[in-house]
Amino acid sequence: MRPDFRKAALITSTEDQVSCNLEGQSLLLQVSSGNYFGLNQVGSLVWESVQKGTTFDQIVADVLQAYDAERKRVEDDVEELLSTLESEGLIRVTDAGVS
């Protein structure tokens, strides 16, 4: 079951990954699976926020501040990226009702 990112209290990176920034793009390695992932500049902005611990709304606000884009499109794209990162074990999502 996919988490509801829009209602999550906190979205953070897991400990089972390593990442680096290379000329504005992020490279991620999920240690257990050995899978590599590359993120473009927008994805890298999302990843930077996730590494600090953030919310869905804050990620969307950061992307909207950095890029001229329609809010609905940003929300949908961020949700899709977070879904991929979560399914690959790269992020952890804490529900607002969980302490």
C-alpha atoms as a PDB file:
ATOM      1  CA  MET A   1       0.000   0.000   0.000  1.00  0.00           C
ATOM      2  CA  ARG A   2       1.435   3.328  -1.078  1.00  0.00           C
ATOM      3  CA  PRO A   3       1.719   5.984   1.624  1.00  0.00           C
ATOM      4  CA  ASP A   4      -0.216   9.223   1.345  1.00  0.00           C
ATOM      5  CA  PHE A   5       2.711  11.584   0.853  1.00  0.00           C
ATOM      6  CA  ARG A   6       0.476  14.650   1.005  1.00  0.00           C
ATOM      7  CA  LYS A   7      -0.561  13.800   4.574  1.00  0.00           C
ATOM      8  CA  ALA A   8       2.807  12.510   5.799  1.00  0.00           C
ATOM      9  CA  ALA A   9       4.306  14.164   8.848  1.00  0.00           C
ATOM     10  CA  LEU A  10       7.864  13.556   7.705  1.00  0.00           C
ATOM     11  CA  ILE A  11       9.651  12.216   4.640  1.00  0.00           C
ATOM     12  CA  THR A  12      13.300  11.225   5.137  1.00  0.00           C
ATOM     13  CA  SER A  13      15.984   9.221   3.378  1.00  0.00           C
ATOM     14  CA  THR A  14      16.681   5.728   4.687  1.00  0.00           C
ATOM     15  CA  GLU A  15      20.010   4.604   6.086  1.00  0.00           C
ATOM     16  CA  ASP A  16      20.227   1.869   3.430  1.00  0.00           C
ATOM     17  CA  GLN A  17      21.389   4.247   0.702  1.00  0.00           C
ATOM     18  CA  VAL A  18      24.306   6.401  -0.301  1.00  0.00           C
ATOM     19  CA  SER A  19      24.158   9.372  -2.619  1.00  0.00           C
ATOM     20  CA  CYS A  20      26.261  12.104  -4.122  1.00  0.00           C
ATOM     21  CA  ASN A  21      25.737  15.220  -6.179  1.00  0.00           C
ATOM     22  CA  LEU A  22      27.524  15.358  -9.516  1.00  0.00           C
ATOM     23  CA  GLU A  23      27.216  18.612 -11.454  1.00  0.00           C
ATOM     24  CA  GLY A  24      23.673  19.337 -10.292  1.00  0.00           C
ATOM     25  CA  GLN A  25      22.413  15.780 -10.588  1.00  0.00           C
ATOM     26  CA  SER A  26      22.109  13.245  -7.784  1.00  0.00           C
ATOM     27  CA  LEU A  27      23.296   9.668  -7.972  1.00  0.00           C
ATOM     28  CA  LEU A  28      21.735   7.266  -5.484  1.00  0.00           C
ATOM     29  CA  LEU A  29      22.637   3.699  -4.572  1.00  0.00           C
ATOM     30  CA  GLN A  30      20.212   1.501  -2.665  1.00  0.00           C
ATOM     31  CA  VAL A  31      22.740  -0.607  -0.770  1.00  0.00           C
ATOM     32  CA  SER A  32      20.705  -3.788  -0.181  1.00  0.00           C
ATOM     33  CA  SER A  33      19.564  -4.184  -3.775  1.00  0.00           C
ATOM     34  CA  GLY A  34      22.606  -2.625  -5.450  1.00  0.00           C
ATOM     35  CA  ASN A  35      20.311  -0.559  -7.666  1.00  0.00           C
ATOM     36  CA  TYR A  36      21.556   2.827  -8.887  1.00  0.00           C
ATOM     37  CA  PHE A  37      19.334   5.803  -9.634  1.00  0.00           C
ATOM     38  CA  GLY A  38      20.015   9.142 -11.298  1.00  0.00           C
ATOM     39  CA  LEU A  39      18.016  12.282 -10.598  1.00  0.00           C
ATOM     40  CA  ASN A  40      17.925  15.395 -12.746  1.00  0.00           C
ATOM     41  CA  GLN A  41      18.140  18.902 -11.249  1.00  0.00           C
ATOM     42  CA  VAL A  42      14.519  18.961 -10.093  1.00  0.00           C
ATOM     43  CA  GLY A  43      14.779  15.461  -8.647  1.00  0.00           C
ATOM     44  CA  SER A  44      18.009  16.479  -6.942  1.00  0.00           C
ATOM     45  CA  LEU A  45      16.225  19.412  -5.293  1.00  0.00           C
ATOM     46  CA  VAL A  46      13.616  16.975  -3.963  1.00  0.00           C
ATOM     47  CA  TRP A  47      16.355  14.584  -2.785  1.00  0.00           C
ATOM     48  CA  GLU A  48      18.196  17.363  -0.919  1.00  0.00           C
ATOM     49  CA  SER A  49      14.992  18.180   0.973  1.00  0.00           C
ATOM     50  CA  VAL A  50      14.322  14.522   1.762  1.00  0.00           C
ATOM     51  CA  GLN A  51      17.825  14.041   3.165  1.00  0.00           C
ATOM     52  CA  LYS A  52      17.150  16.815   5.702  1.00  0.00           C
ATOM     53  CA  GLY A  53      13.690  15.518   6.546  1.00  0.00           C
ATOM     54  CA  THR A  54      10.731  17.359   5.089  1.00  0.00           C
ATOM     55  CA  THR A  55       7.061  17.318   4.212  1.00  0.00           C
ATOM     56  CA  PHE A  56       5.316  16.978   0.883  1.00  0.00           C
ATOM     57  CA  ASP A  57       4.103  20.583   1.075  1.00  0.00           C
ATOM     58  CA  GLN A  58       7.621  21.876   1.742  1.00  0.00           C
ATOM     59  CA  ILE A  59       9.040  19.946  -1.215  1.00  0.00           C
ATOM     60  CA  VAL A  60       6.354  21.382  -3.499  1.00  0.00           C
ATOM     61  CA  ALA A  61       7.022  24.892  -2.175  1.00  0.00           C
ATOM     62  CA  ASP A  62      10.773  24.497  -2.772  1.00  0.00           C
ATOM     63  CA  VAL A  63      10.243  23.323  -6.360  1.00  0.00           C
ATOM     64  CA  LEU A  64       7.758  26.113  -7.079  1.00  0.00           C
ATOM     65  CA  GLN A  65      10.205  28.673  -5.713  1.00  0.00           C
ATOM     66  CA  ALA A  66      13.033  27.343  -7.890  1.00  0.00           C
ATOM     67  CA  TYR A  67      11.080  26.696 -11.106  1.00  0.00           C
ATOM     68  CA  ASP A  68       8.289  28.350 -13.029  1.00  0.00           C
ATOM     69  CA  ALA A  69       5.758  25.530 -13.094  1.00  0.00           C
ATOM     70  CA  GLU A  70       2.096  24.837 -12.503  1.00  0.00           C
ATOM     71  CA  ARG A  71       1.373  23.746  -8.917  1.00  0.00           C
ATOM     72  CA  LYS A  72      -0.752  20.718  -9.892  1.00  0.00           C
ATOM     73  CA  ARG A  73       1.970  19.444 -12.229  1.00  0.00           C
ATOM     74  CA  VAL A  74       4.630  19.853  -9.521  1.00  0.00           C
ATOM     75  CA  GLU A  75       2.460  18.067  -6.950  1.00  0.00           C
ATOM     76  CA  ASP A  76       1.824  15.151  -9.325  1.00  0.00           C
ATOM     77  CA  ASP A  77       5.487  14.879 -10.362  1.00  0.00           C
ATOM     78  CA  VAL A  78       6.737  15.073  -6.759  1.00  0.00           C
ATOM     79  CA  GLU A  79       4.236  12.413  -5.700  1.00  0.00           C
ATOM     80  CA  GLU A  80       5.366  10.136  -8.545  1.00  0.00           C
ATOM     81  CA  LEU A  81       9.045  10.584  -7.653  1.00  0.00           C
ATOM     82  CA  LEU A  82       8.406   9.976  -3.948  1.00  0.00           C
ATOM     83  CA  SER A  83       6.439   6.861  -4.812  1.00  0.00           C
ATOM     84  CA  THR A  84       9.378   5.505  -6.802  1.00  0.00           C
ATOM     85  CA  LEU A  85      11.888   6.393  -4.080  1.00  0.00           C
ATOM     86  CA  GLU A  86       9.698   4.758  -1.432  1.00  0.00           C
ATOM     87  CA  SER A  87       9.142   1.576  -3.435  1.00  0.00           C
ATOM     88  CA  GLU A  88      12.902   1.277  -3.949  1.00  0.00           C
ATOM     89  CA  GLY A  89      13.597   1.627  -0.217  1.00  0.00           C
ATOM     90  CA  LEU A  90      15.314   5.018  -0.503  1.00  0.00           C
ATOM     91  CA  ILE A  91      12.905   7.031   1.668  1.00  0.00           C
ATOM     92  CA  ARG A  92      10.857   6.513   4.812  1.00  0.00           C
ATOM     93  CA  VAL A  93       7.445   8.094   5.272  1.00  0.00           C
ATOM     94  CA  THR A  94       6.057   8.803   8.741  1.00  0.00           C
ATOM     95  CA  ASP A  95       2.287   9.267   8.867  1.00  0.00           C
ATOM     96  CA  ALA A  96       0.933  12.292  10.673  1.00  0.00           C
ATOM     97  CA  GLY A  97      -0.943  10.029  13.105  1.00  0.00           C
ATOM     98  CA  VAL A  98       2.218   8.116  14.111  1.00  0.00           C
ATOM     99  CA  SER A  99       4.480   9.455  16.823  1.00  0.00           C
END
